C-alpha atoms as a PDB file:
ATOM      1  CA  UNK A   1      -3.069  -5.849 -17.159  1.00  0.00           C
ATOM      2  CA  UNK A   2      -0.866  -5.986 -14.077  1.00  0.00           C
ATOM      3  CA  UNK A   3       2.442  -4.953 -12.628  1.00  0.00           C
ATOM      4  CA  UNK A   4       5.503  -7.106 -12.030  1.00  0.00           C
ATOM      5  CA  UNK A   5       5.538  -8.496  -8.540  1.00  0.00           C
ATOM      6  CA  UNK A   6       6.333 -11.811  -6.979  1.00  0.00           C
ATOM      7  CA  UNK A   7       3.113 -13.394  -5.807  1.00  0.00           C
ATOM      8  CA  UNK A   8       2.973 -14.383  -2.197  1.00  0.00           C
ATOM      9  CA  UNK A   9       1.496 -13.872   1.243  1.00  0.00           C
ATOM     10  CA  UNK A  10       1.599 -10.278   2.387  1.00  0.00           C
ATOM     11  CA  UNK A  11      -0.201 -10.235   5.771  1.00  0.00           C
ATOM     12  CA  UNK A  12      -0.645  -6.477   5.695  1.00  0.00           C
ATOM     13  CA  UNK A  13      -3.567  -4.140   6.354  1.00  0.00           C
ATOM     14  CA  UNK A  14      -5.762  -3.048   3.469  1.00  0.00           C
ATOM     15  CA  UNK A  15      -8.230  -0.177   3.315  1.00  0.00           C
ATOM     16  CA  UNK A  16     -11.146  -0.497   0.909  1.00  0.00           C
ATOM     17  CA  UNK A  17     -14.451   1.152   0.141  1.00  0.00           C
ATOM     18  CA  UNK A  18     -17.210   0.880  -2.393  1.00  0.00           C
ATOM     19  CA  UNK A  19     -16.334   3.092  -5.334  1.00  0.00           C
ATOM     20  CA  UNK A  20     -17.564   6.624  -4.655  1.00  0.00           C
ATOM     21  CA  UNK A  21     -18.309   6.067  -0.941  1.00  0.00           C
ATOM     22  CA  UNK A  22     -16.659   8.122   1.807  1.00  0.00           C
ATOM     23  CA  UNK A  23     -16.081   5.528   4.534  1.00  0.00           C
ATOM     24  CA  UNK A  24     -13.033   3.245   4.346  1.00  0.00           C
ATOM     25  CA  UNK A  25     -13.127  -0.235   5.876  1.00  0.00           C
ATOM     26  CA  UNK A  26     -10.178  -2.216   7.197  1.00  0.00           C
ATOM     27  CA  UNK A  27      -9.187  -5.692   6.105  1.00  0.00           C
ATOM     28  CA  UNK A  28      -6.133  -7.968   6.148  1.00  0.00           C
ATOM     29  CA  UNK A  29      -4.291  -9.012   2.983  1.00  0.00           C
ATOM     30  CA  UNK A  30      -3.769 -12.772   2.636  1.00  0.00           C
ATOM     31  CA  UNK A  31      -2.251 -12.839  -0.849  1.00  0.00           C
ATOM     32  CA  UNK A  32      -1.150 -10.149  -3.270  1.00  0.00           C
ATOM     33  CA  UNK A  33      -0.197 -10.467  -6.930  1.00  0.00           C
ATOM     34  CA  UNK A  34       0.305  -8.131  -9.844  1.00  0.00           C
ATOM     35  CA  UNK A  35      -3.313  -8.532 -10.925  1.00  0.00           C
ATOM     36  CA  UNK A  36      -5.286  -8.778  -7.696  1.00  0.00           C
ATOM     37  CA  UNK A  37      -5.577  -9.273  -3.974  1.00  0.00           C
ATOM     38  CA  UNK A  38      -7.136 -11.787  -1.586  1.00  0.00           C
ATOM     39  CA  UNK A  39      -8.129 -10.233   1.735  1.00  0.00           C
ATOM     40  CA  UNK A  40     -10.197 -10.884   4.859  1.00  0.00           C
ATOM     41  CA  UNK A  41     -12.817  -8.545   6.210  1.00  0.00           C
ATOM     42  CA  UNK A  42     -16.077  -8.616   8.139  1.00  0.00           C
ATOM     43  CA  UNK A  43     -18.136  -7.142   5.289  1.00  0.00           C
ATOM     44  CA  UNK A  44     -19.821  -9.264   2.635  1.00  0.00           C
ATOM     45  CA  UNK A  45     -19.190  -7.868  -0.853  1.00  0.00           C
ATOM     46  CA  UNK A  46     -21.156  -9.246  -3.809  1.00  0.00           C
ATOM     47  CA  UNK A  47     -19.403 -10.337  -7.004  1.00  0.00           C
ATOM     48  CA  UNK A  48     -18.667  -7.481  -9.453  1.00  0.00           C
ATOM     49  CA  UNK A  49     -18.762  -4.833  -6.690  1.00  0.00           C
ATOM     50  CA  UNK A  50     -16.455  -1.958  -7.738  1.00  0.00           C
ATOM     51  CA  UNK A  51     -13.932  -1.052  -5.022  1.00  0.00           C
ATOM     52  CA  UNK A  52     -11.268   1.520  -4.272  1.00  0.00           C
ATOM     53  CA  UNK A  53      -8.321   0.006  -2.425  1.00  0.00           C
ATOM     54  CA  UNK A  54      -5.316   1.388  -0.523  1.00  0.00           C
ATOM     55  CA  UNK A  55      -2.470  -0.846   0.570  1.00  0.00           C
ATOM     56  CA  UNK A  56       1.298  -1.074   1.005  1.00  0.00           C
ATOM     57  CA  UNK A  57       3.310  -3.233  -1.376  1.00  0.00           C
ATOM     58  CA  UNK A  58       6.160  -4.527   0.810  1.00  0.00           C
ATOM     59  CA  UNK A  59       9.786  -3.978  -0.227  1.00  0.00           C
ATOM     60  CA  UNK A  60       8.977  -2.540  -3.669  1.00  0.00           C
ATOM     61  CA  UNK A  61      10.209   1.020  -3.247  1.00  0.00           C
ATOM     62  CA  UNK A  62      13.517   2.791  -2.926  1.00  0.00           C
ATOM     63  CA  UNK A  63      15.868   1.158  -0.409  1.00  0.00           C
ATOM     64  CA  UNK A  64      13.372  -1.661   0.108  1.00  0.00           C
ATOM     65  CA  UNK A  65      10.674   0.613   1.536  1.00  0.00           C
ATOM     66  CA  UNK A  66       7.075  -0.314   0.752  1.00  0.00           C
ATOM     67  CA  UNK A  67       5.167   1.542  -1.942  1.00  0.00           C
ATOM     68  CA  UNK A  68       1.720   2.911  -1.248  1.00  0.00           C
ATOM     69  CA  UNK A  69      -0.754   1.654  -3.807  1.00  0.00           C
ATOM     70  CA  UNK A  70      -4.146   3.092  -4.695  1.00  0.00           C
ATOM     71  CA  UNK A  71      -6.258   1.123  -7.114  1.00  0.00           C
ATOM     72  CA  UNK A  72      -9.683   0.414  -8.408  1.00  0.00           C
ATOM     73  CA  UNK A  73     -10.731  -3.197  -8.300  1.00  0.00           C
ATOM     74  CA  UNK A  74     -13.704  -5.477  -8.817  1.00  0.00           C
ATOM     75  CA  UNK A  75     -14.798  -8.283  -6.523  1.00  0.00           C
ATOM     76  CA  UNK A  76     -14.356 -11.669  -8.221  1.00  0.00           C
ATOM     77  CA  UNK A  77     -15.652 -13.819  -5.366  1.00  0.00           C
ATOM     78  CA  UNK A  78     -16.554 -13.738  -1.684  1.00  0.00           C
ATOM     79  CA  UNK A  79     -16.518 -16.749   0.652  1.00  0.00           C
ATOM     80  CA  UNK A  80     -17.286 -17.046   4.338  1.00  0.00           C
ATOM     81  CA  UNK A  81     -14.159 -17.882   6.329  1.00  0.00           C
ATOM     82  CA  UNK A  82     -13.710 -18.747   9.983  1.00  0.00           C
ATOM     83  CA  UNK A  83     -16.247 -17.060  12.245  1.00  0.00           C
ATOM     84  CA  UNK A  84     -17.516 -13.706  10.999  1.00  0.00           C
ATOM     85  CA  UNK A  85     -14.725 -13.243   8.448  1.00  0.00           C
ATOM     86  CA  UNK A  86     -15.277 -13.035   4.706  1.00  0.00           C
ATOM     87  CA  UNK A  87     -12.497 -13.807   2.215  1.00  0.00           C
ATOM     88  CA  UNK A  88     -12.678 -11.442  -0.767  1.00  0.00           C
ATOM     89  CA  UNK A  89     -10.808 -11.918  -4.052  1.00  0.00           C
ATOM     90  CA  UNK A  90     -10.593  -8.738  -6.127  1.00  0.00           C
ATOM     91  CA  UNK A  91      -8.982  -8.024  -9.499  1.00  0.00           C
ATOM     92  CA  UNK A  92      -7.209  -4.696 -10.079  1.00  0.00           C
ATOM     93  CA  UNK A  93      -8.475  -2.588 -12.982  1.00  0.00           C
ATOM     94  CA  UNK A  94      -6.286   0.501 -12.462  1.00  0.00           C
ATOM     95  CA  UNK A  95      -3.553   1.313  -9.989  1.00  0.00           C
ATOM     96  CA  UNK A  96      -1.150   4.060  -8.979  1.00  0.00           C
ATOM     97  CA  UNK A  97       1.967   3.826  -6.837  1.00  0.00           C
ATOM     98  CA  UNK A  98       3.199   6.472  -4.425  1.00  0.00           C
ATOM     99  CA  UNK A  99       6.487   6.436  -2.504  1.00  0.00           C
ATOM    100  CA  UNK A 100       6.433   6.095   1.260  1.00  0.00           C
ATOM    101  CA  UNK A 101       8.510   8.286   3.480  1.00  0.00           C
ATOM    102  CA  UNK A 102      10.832   6.563   5.902  1.00  0.00           C
ATOM    103  CA  UNK A 103       9.859   8.106   9.268  1.00  0.00           C
ATOM    104  CA  UNK A 104      13.525   8.186  10.266  1.00  0.00           C
ATOM    105  CA  UNK A 105      14.221  10.443   7.283  1.00  0.00           C
ATOM    106  CA  UNK A 106      11.092  12.584   7.359  1.00  0.00           C
ATOM    107  CA  UNK A 107      13.095  15.579   8.612  1.00  0.00           C
ATOM    108  CA  UNK A 108      16.131  17.061   6.904  1.00  0.00           C
ATOM    109  CA  UNK A 109      19.498  15.648   7.895  1.00  0.00           C
ATOM    110  CA  UNK A 110      21.641  17.999   9.970  1.00  0.00           C
ATOM    111  CA  UNK A 111      24.580  19.555   8.147  1.00  0.00           C
ATOM    112  CA  UNK A 112      27.933  17.873   8.568  1.00  0.00           C
ATOM    113  CA  UNK A 113      30.392  19.700  10.784  1.00  0.00           C
ATOM    114  CA  UNK A 114      32.022  22.574   8.916  1.00  0.00           C
ATOM    115  CA  UNK A 115      35.155  21.326   7.253  1.00  0.00           C
ATOM    116  CA  UNK A 116      38.024  23.622   6.528  1.00  0.00           C
ATOM    117  CA  UNK A 117      37.969  24.884   2.963  1.00  0.00           C
ATOM    118  CA  UNK A 118      34.596  23.330   1.991  1.00  0.00           C
ATOM    119  CA  UNK A 119      32.434  26.409   2.407  1.00  0.00           C
ATOM    120  CA  UNK A 120      29.714  24.461   4.266  1.00  0.00           C
ATOM    121  CA  UNK A 121      27.567  26.753   6.385  1.00  0.00           C
ATOM    122  CA  UNK A 122      26.909  25.763   9.967  1.00  0.00           C
ATOM    123  CA  UNK A 123      23.263  24.933  10.558  1.00  0.00           C
ATOM    124  CA  UNK A 124      22.490  24.063   6.931  1.00  0.00           C
ATOM    125  CA  UNK A 125      20.455  20.963   6.262  1.00  0.00           C
ATOM    126  CA  UNK A 126      20.163  18.448   3.463  1.00  0.00           C
ATOM    127  CA  UNK A 127      16.667  17.473   2.326  1.00  0.00           C
ATOM    128  CA  UNK A 128      15.889  13.819   1.895  1.00  0.00           C
END
């Protein structure tokens, strides 16, 4: 199971937590594919640990905006990296995508100036 995506380095933040826990931890994505993720963190996670993961999939949404992704995953392996960092490989079991909102378009656009004969009301707005 997976989604279509070109595999490659992502270098983006990732939030993860043990399934059912309340506290999210921060990590850094090294590699992202349609079936899993490789990320760095400071927390050791044993093999087969069930995780909940939140991340942004770059350039996959409308107009090239990233998509927010929430998924459940399982740790495949953990290896000590440089210094206190741990490299975690996790395989996705389920995932959901949510659109991101471009902060420049988070508010309605102002109405165009009233044009003769169009019936446009002054002060109207167009939702994004």
